[in-house]
Each structure stands twice: as structure tokens, then as C-alpha cells.
N, C-alpha and C. Protein backbone atom coordinates (compact mmCIF):
# COMPACT_ATOMS: atom_id res chain seq x y z
N TRP A 1 -9.11 85.53 16.76
CA TRP A 1 -10.18 85.81 15.83
C TRP A 1 -11.53 85.64 16.52
N LEU A 2 -11.66 84.56 17.28
CA LEU A 2 -12.91 84.29 17.97
C LEU A 2 -13.21 85.38 18.99
N ARG A 3 -12.20 85.79 19.71
CA ARG A 3 -12.39 86.86 20.70
C ARG A 3 -12.84 88.15 20.01
N HIS A 4 -12.23 88.46 18.89
CA HIS A 4 -12.60 89.67 18.15
C HIS A 4 -14.05 89.58 17.68
N ARG A 5 -14.47 88.41 17.22
CA ARG A 5 -15.86 88.23 16.80
C ARG A 5 -16.81 88.44 17.97
N ARG A 6 -16.43 87.96 19.15
CA ARG A 6 -17.26 88.17 20.35
C ARG A 6 -17.35 89.66 20.69
N ASP A 7 -16.22 90.35 20.59
CA ASP A 7 -16.20 91.79 20.86
C ASP A 7 -17.13 92.53 19.90
N LEU A 8 -17.07 92.18 18.63
CA LEU A 8 -17.94 92.80 17.64
C LEU A 8 -19.41 92.54 17.97
N SER A 9 -19.70 91.33 18.34
CA SER A 9 -21.08 90.98 18.69
C SER A 9 -21.56 91.78 19.89
N GLU A 10 -20.70 91.93 20.88
CA GLU A 10 -21.05 92.69 22.08
C GLU A 10 -21.33 94.15 21.74
N VAL A 11 -20.50 94.72 20.89
CA VAL A 11 -20.69 96.12 20.49
C VAL A 11 -21.99 96.28 19.72
N ARG A 12 -22.29 95.35 18.87
CA ARG A 12 -23.52 95.45 18.07
C ARG A 12 -24.78 95.32 18.92
N ARG A 13 -24.68 94.69 20.08
CA ARG A 13 -25.84 94.56 20.97
C ARG A 13 -26.08 95.83 21.81
N MET A 14 -25.12 96.73 21.84
CA MET A 14 -25.28 97.97 22.61
C MET A 14 -26.31 98.88 21.94
N ASP A 15 -27.03 99.62 22.78
CA ASP A 15 -27.90 100.62 22.18
C ASP A 15 -27.06 101.84 21.81
N THR A 16 -27.56 102.68 20.95
CA THR A 16 -26.77 103.80 20.43
C THR A 16 -26.39 104.79 21.52
N THR A 17 -27.23 104.96 22.52
CA THR A 17 -26.90 105.89 23.60
C THR A 17 -25.66 105.43 24.35
N GLU A 18 -25.62 104.15 24.68
CA GLU A 18 -24.46 103.61 25.39
C GLU A 18 -23.21 103.66 24.53
N PHE A 19 -23.36 103.30 23.26
CA PHE A 19 -22.23 103.33 22.34
C PHE A 19 -21.69 104.76 22.18
N ASP A 20 -22.58 105.72 22.03
CA ASP A 20 -22.18 107.12 21.90
C ASP A 20 -21.49 107.62 23.17
N ARG A 21 -21.96 107.17 24.32
CA ARG A 21 -21.35 107.56 25.60
C ARG A 21 -19.92 107.03 25.68
N ILE A 22 -19.74 105.78 25.29
CA ILE A 22 -18.40 105.19 25.32
C ILE A 22 -17.48 105.94 24.35
N ALA A 23 -17.98 106.24 23.17
CA ALA A 23 -17.18 107.01 22.20
C ALA A 23 -16.79 108.35 22.80
N GLY A 24 -17.73 109.01 23.46
CA GLY A 24 -17.43 110.29 24.09
C GLY A 24 -16.39 110.17 25.18
N ASP A 25 -16.51 109.11 25.99
CA ASP A 25 -15.52 108.87 27.05
C ASP A 25 -14.12 108.69 26.47
N LEU A 26 -14.06 108.07 25.30
CA LEU A 26 -12.77 107.82 24.65
C LEU A 26 -12.31 108.99 23.79
N ARG A 27 -13.16 110.00 23.67
CA ARG A 27 -12.89 111.19 22.87
C ARG A 27 -12.68 110.86 21.39
N VAL A 28 -13.55 109.98 20.90
CA VAL A 28 -13.59 109.67 19.46
C VAL A 28 -15.05 109.74 19.03
N SER A 29 -15.28 109.88 17.75
CA SER A 29 -16.65 109.89 17.26
C SER A 29 -17.20 108.46 17.28
N PRO A 30 -18.52 108.31 17.30
CA PRO A 30 -19.09 106.97 17.24
C PRO A 30 -18.64 106.21 15.98
N GLY A 31 -18.51 106.91 14.86
CA GLY A 31 -18.03 106.27 13.63
C GLY A 31 -16.60 105.76 13.77
N GLU A 32 -15.74 106.57 14.40
CA GLU A 32 -14.36 106.14 14.63
C GLU A 32 -14.33 104.93 15.56
N LEU A 33 -15.13 104.97 16.62
CA LEU A 33 -15.16 103.85 17.55
C LEU A 33 -15.60 102.58 16.84
N ASP A 34 -16.61 102.68 16.00
CA ASP A 34 -17.08 101.53 15.25
C ASP A 34 -15.96 100.97 14.37
N THR A 35 -15.24 101.84 13.69
CA THR A 35 -14.13 101.41 12.84
C THR A 35 -13.03 100.76 13.66
N LEU A 36 -12.70 101.37 14.79
CA LEU A 36 -11.65 100.81 15.65
C LEU A 36 -12.02 99.42 16.14
N VAL A 37 -13.27 99.24 16.54
CA VAL A 37 -13.71 97.93 17.02
C VAL A 37 -13.66 96.91 15.88
N ARG A 38 -14.10 97.30 14.70
CA ARG A 38 -14.09 96.38 13.56
C ARG A 38 -12.67 95.99 13.17
N ARG A 39 -11.73 96.90 13.30
CA ARG A 39 -10.35 96.60 12.89
C ARG A 39 -9.62 95.73 13.90
N GLY A 40 -10.10 95.70 15.12
CA GLY A 40 -9.56 94.78 16.11
C GLY A 40 -8.39 95.30 16.92
N PRO A 41 -7.96 94.49 17.87
CA PRO A 41 -6.94 94.92 18.83
C PRO A 41 -5.53 95.05 18.25
N HIS A 42 -5.31 94.55 17.05
CA HIS A 42 -3.97 94.62 16.46
C HIS A 42 -3.88 95.66 15.34
N ALA A 43 -4.86 96.54 15.27
CA ALA A 43 -4.93 97.51 14.18
C ALA A 43 -3.79 98.53 14.20
N ALA A 44 -3.14 98.70 15.33
CA ALA A 44 -2.06 99.68 15.43
C ALA A 44 -0.71 99.01 15.70
N ASP A 45 -0.58 97.75 15.32
CA ASP A 45 0.67 97.02 15.58
C ASP A 45 1.88 97.61 14.87
N GLU A 46 1.65 98.37 13.82
CA GLU A 46 2.77 98.97 13.09
C GLU A 46 3.44 100.10 13.87
N LEU A 47 2.68 100.79 14.71
CA LEU A 47 3.22 101.97 15.38
C LEU A 47 4.46 101.67 16.23
N PRO A 48 4.44 100.69 17.12
CA PRO A 48 5.66 100.43 17.89
C PRO A 48 6.86 100.09 17.01
N LYS A 49 6.62 99.39 15.92
CA LYS A 49 7.70 99.04 15.00
C LYS A 49 8.25 100.29 14.31
N LEU A 50 7.35 101.19 13.92
CA LEU A 50 7.79 102.43 13.28
C LEU A 50 8.57 103.29 14.26
N LEU A 51 8.05 103.42 15.47
CA LEU A 51 8.76 104.22 16.47
C LEU A 51 10.17 103.67 16.70
N LYS A 52 10.28 102.36 16.80
CA LYS A 52 11.59 101.74 16.99
C LYS A 52 12.50 102.03 15.80
N ALA A 53 11.96 101.91 14.59
CA ALA A 53 12.75 102.19 13.39
C ALA A 53 13.24 103.62 13.35
N LEU A 54 12.49 104.51 13.98
CA LEU A 54 12.85 105.93 14.00
C LEU A 54 13.70 106.31 15.22
N GLY A 55 13.99 105.33 16.06
CA GLY A 55 14.81 105.60 17.24
C GLY A 55 14.05 106.27 18.35
N ILE A 56 12.74 106.13 18.36
CA ILE A 56 11.90 106.73 19.40
C ILE A 56 11.54 105.66 20.40
N ASN A 57 11.82 105.92 21.66
CA ASN A 57 11.53 104.96 22.72
C ASN A 57 10.06 105.05 23.09
N GLU A 58 9.30 104.01 22.76
CA GLU A 58 7.85 104.01 23.02
C GLU A 58 7.55 104.11 24.51
N ALA A 59 8.32 103.45 25.34
CA ALA A 59 8.09 103.49 26.79
C ALA A 59 8.28 104.90 27.33
N ASP A 60 9.30 105.59 26.85
CA ASP A 60 9.52 106.98 27.26
C ASP A 60 8.37 107.87 26.80
N LEU A 61 7.92 107.63 25.57
CA LEU A 61 6.81 108.41 25.04
C LEU A 61 5.54 108.15 25.85
N ALA A 62 5.30 106.91 26.21
CA ALA A 62 4.13 106.56 27.01
C ALA A 62 4.19 107.24 28.38
N ARG A 63 5.38 107.39 28.91
CA ARG A 63 5.55 108.01 30.22
C ARG A 63 5.41 109.53 30.15
N THR A 64 6.00 110.14 29.11
CA THR A 64 6.03 111.60 29.04
C THR A 64 4.84 112.20 28.29
N GLU A 65 4.30 111.48 27.32
CA GLU A 65 3.20 111.99 26.49
C GLU A 65 2.15 110.90 26.24
N PRO A 66 1.52 110.39 27.31
CA PRO A 66 0.59 109.27 27.13
C PRO A 66 -0.59 109.59 26.22
N LEU A 67 -1.11 110.80 26.27
CA LEU A 67 -2.24 111.15 25.40
C LEU A 67 -1.82 111.26 23.94
N VAL A 68 -0.62 111.73 23.72
CA VAL A 68 -0.10 111.81 22.35
C VAL A 68 0.05 110.40 21.79
N LEU A 69 0.61 109.49 22.58
CA LEU A 69 0.79 108.12 22.12
C LEU A 69 -0.57 107.46 21.85
N ARG A 70 -1.53 107.70 22.73
CA ARG A 70 -2.86 107.12 22.51
C ARG A 70 -3.48 107.64 21.21
N ASP A 71 -3.31 108.93 20.95
CA ASP A 71 -3.84 109.48 19.71
C ASP A 71 -3.10 108.90 18.50
N MET A 72 -1.81 108.71 18.62
CA MET A 72 -1.04 108.11 17.54
C MET A 72 -1.51 106.68 17.27
N GLU A 73 -1.86 105.95 18.31
CA GLU A 73 -2.38 104.59 18.14
C GLU A 73 -3.72 104.63 17.40
N ARG A 74 -4.55 105.60 17.76
CA ARG A 74 -5.85 105.74 17.09
C ARG A 74 -5.64 106.05 15.60
N VAL A 75 -4.76 106.98 15.31
CA VAL A 75 -4.48 107.35 13.93
C VAL A 75 -3.92 106.15 13.16
N CYS A 76 -3.02 105.42 13.76
CA CYS A 76 -2.44 104.24 13.12
C CYS A 76 -3.52 103.19 12.85
N ALA A 77 -4.39 102.97 13.82
CA ALA A 77 -5.45 101.97 13.65
C ALA A 77 -6.39 102.32 12.51
N MET A 78 -6.58 103.61 12.26
CA MET A 78 -7.50 104.06 11.21
C MET A 78 -6.82 104.18 9.84
N CYS A 79 -5.54 103.94 9.78
CA CYS A 79 -4.74 104.18 8.57
C CYS A 79 -5.16 103.33 7.38
N ALA A 80 -5.10 103.94 6.22
CA ALA A 80 -5.41 103.24 4.97
C ALA A 80 -4.13 102.83 4.23
N SER A 81 -2.97 103.08 4.81
CA SER A 81 -1.69 102.78 4.15
C SER A 81 -0.96 101.63 4.82
N LYS A 82 -1.69 100.70 5.38
CA LYS A 82 -1.07 99.58 6.12
C LYS A 82 -0.12 98.76 5.24
N LYS A 83 -0.51 98.47 4.01
CA LYS A 83 0.32 97.63 3.16
C LYS A 83 1.68 98.28 2.90
N GLN A 84 1.66 99.56 2.58
CA GLN A 84 2.92 100.26 2.32
C GLN A 84 3.76 100.32 3.58
N CYS A 85 3.12 100.60 4.70
CA CYS A 85 3.83 100.66 5.98
C CYS A 85 4.47 99.31 6.29
N ASP A 86 3.68 98.24 6.17
CA ASP A 86 4.21 96.90 6.44
C ASP A 86 5.38 96.56 5.52
N ARG A 87 5.28 96.92 4.26
CA ARG A 87 6.39 96.67 3.31
C ARG A 87 7.65 97.41 3.75
N ASP A 88 7.49 98.69 4.09
CA ASP A 88 8.65 99.48 4.51
C ASP A 88 9.24 98.96 5.82
N LEU A 89 8.39 98.56 6.74
CA LEU A 89 8.89 97.99 7.99
C LEU A 89 9.69 96.72 7.72
N ALA A 90 9.16 95.86 6.87
CA ALA A 90 9.84 94.61 6.54
C ALA A 90 11.16 94.85 5.81
N ALA A 91 11.18 95.87 4.97
CA ALA A 91 12.39 96.17 4.18
C ALA A 91 13.38 97.03 4.95
N GLY A 92 12.97 97.54 6.10
CA GLY A 92 13.86 98.41 6.86
C GLY A 92 13.99 99.80 6.28
N THR A 93 12.99 100.23 5.52
CA THR A 93 13.06 101.54 4.85
C THR A 93 12.04 102.54 5.39
N SER A 94 11.45 102.24 6.51
CA SER A 94 10.41 103.12 7.07
C SER A 94 10.90 104.53 7.32
N ALA A 95 12.10 104.65 7.89
CA ALA A 95 12.61 105.97 8.22
C ALA A 95 12.73 106.87 7.00
N GLU A 96 12.98 106.27 5.85
CA GLU A 96 13.14 107.06 4.62
C GLU A 96 11.81 107.39 3.96
N HIS A 97 10.76 106.60 4.24
CA HIS A 97 9.53 106.73 3.46
C HIS A 97 8.27 107.09 4.23
N TYR A 98 8.26 106.93 5.54
CA TYR A 98 7.00 107.07 6.29
C TYR A 98 6.35 108.44 6.12
N GLU A 99 7.14 109.49 5.96
CA GLU A 99 6.56 110.83 5.85
C GLU A 99 5.65 110.99 4.64
N GLY A 100 5.80 110.13 3.64
CA GLY A 100 5.00 110.22 2.43
C GLY A 100 3.60 109.65 2.57
N TYR A 101 3.35 108.84 3.59
CA TYR A 101 2.03 108.21 3.74
C TYR A 101 1.52 108.14 5.17
N CYS A 102 2.37 108.29 6.15
CA CYS A 102 1.96 108.12 7.55
C CYS A 102 1.28 109.38 8.08
N LEU A 103 0.04 109.22 8.52
CA LEU A 103 -0.69 110.36 9.07
C LEU A 103 -0.15 110.79 10.44
N ASN A 104 0.72 109.97 11.03
CA ASN A 104 1.37 110.33 12.28
C ASN A 104 2.67 111.10 12.06
N ALA A 105 3.09 111.27 10.81
CA ALA A 105 4.36 111.93 10.52
C ALA A 105 4.47 113.32 11.15
N PRO A 106 3.46 114.19 11.05
CA PRO A 106 3.60 115.50 11.69
C PRO A 106 3.77 115.40 13.21
N THR A 107 3.08 114.47 13.83
CA THR A 107 3.22 114.29 15.28
C THR A 107 4.61 113.78 15.61
N ILE A 108 5.08 112.82 14.84
CA ILE A 108 6.42 112.26 15.07
C ILE A 108 7.47 113.36 14.93
N GLU A 109 7.32 114.19 13.92
CA GLU A 109 8.28 115.27 13.71
C GLU A 109 8.26 116.30 14.84
N SER A 110 7.13 116.43 15.51
CA SER A 110 7.03 117.42 16.59
C SER A 110 7.52 116.90 17.93
N LEU A 111 7.80 115.61 18.03
CA LEU A 111 8.29 115.04 19.28
C LEU A 111 9.68 115.55 19.60
N ASP A 112 9.96 115.66 20.87
CA ASP A 112 11.29 116.10 21.30
C ASP A 112 12.23 114.92 21.44
N GLN A 113 12.17 114.00 20.49
CA GLN A 113 13.03 112.84 20.52
C GLN A 113 13.75 112.75 19.18
N PRO A 114 14.90 112.13 19.17
CA PRO A 114 15.64 112.02 17.90
C PRO A 114 14.90 111.11 16.94
N VAL A 115 14.96 111.48 15.67
CA VAL A 115 14.42 110.66 14.61
C VAL A 115 15.58 110.33 13.68
N LYS A 116 15.80 109.03 13.43
CA LYS A 116 16.88 108.62 12.55
C LYS A 116 16.56 109.04 11.11
N PRO A 117 17.59 109.45 10.37
CA PRO A 117 17.36 109.82 8.96
C PRO A 117 17.03 108.61 8.11
């Protein structure tokens, strides 16, 4: 928590030109970067769990499609359905329900990896 507060403080001290440059380097908008920083380093913790529940090997995905995985992490971090996702992950029902709320569902469906029913 303390580290996250320090990170937020550091970002707030940046001038807008530097912040916009960093956002551009990361290929996200300044608004998205601000949201990602505010949500912290664990904002996409659900993604590896969901991939595992779907039978998708995250390490293989990172090796074969690193940019796709990075974008999926960004989408997960920005998600507004965290509570539902966490409930489904805890209940073991993610594979049956994620398509109804997960903004990564179309990407997951397009992967050349098996998805458990």
C-alpha cells in the first residue's frame, strides 16, 4: 500500500508533457495511464486466474503473443466487473460465465488455444 502511494505521488509530480510521453510510449491514453496507476500493480490479478480456469497457458501466451497478453492485462486492469469476476473465480464458474461480462472474452475466443467449456 505504501509503495503504491509513493507511485501515485511520483506520477502526480510529473508535468503533463512527461506524463503524456509515457502514455504514448505505452500506447495508452493519458486518462488510461492515470487510471492504471491509480488502480495499482494488482489491478489485473484476475487475468492469470481466468486464463488458468479456461485452460490457457499464460506462459505460452506470453511467449507467442506478448502484445496481446499485455493488452489483455490493460483491459483487465480497467475492468468494472471485478466483483463478479472474483466471485466466479472463487466459485470455479468462470468458464461458464466470463463471456457475459469480461471485456477480454472476444480476445480469448480468438486465441488459438483450447478453452474449457
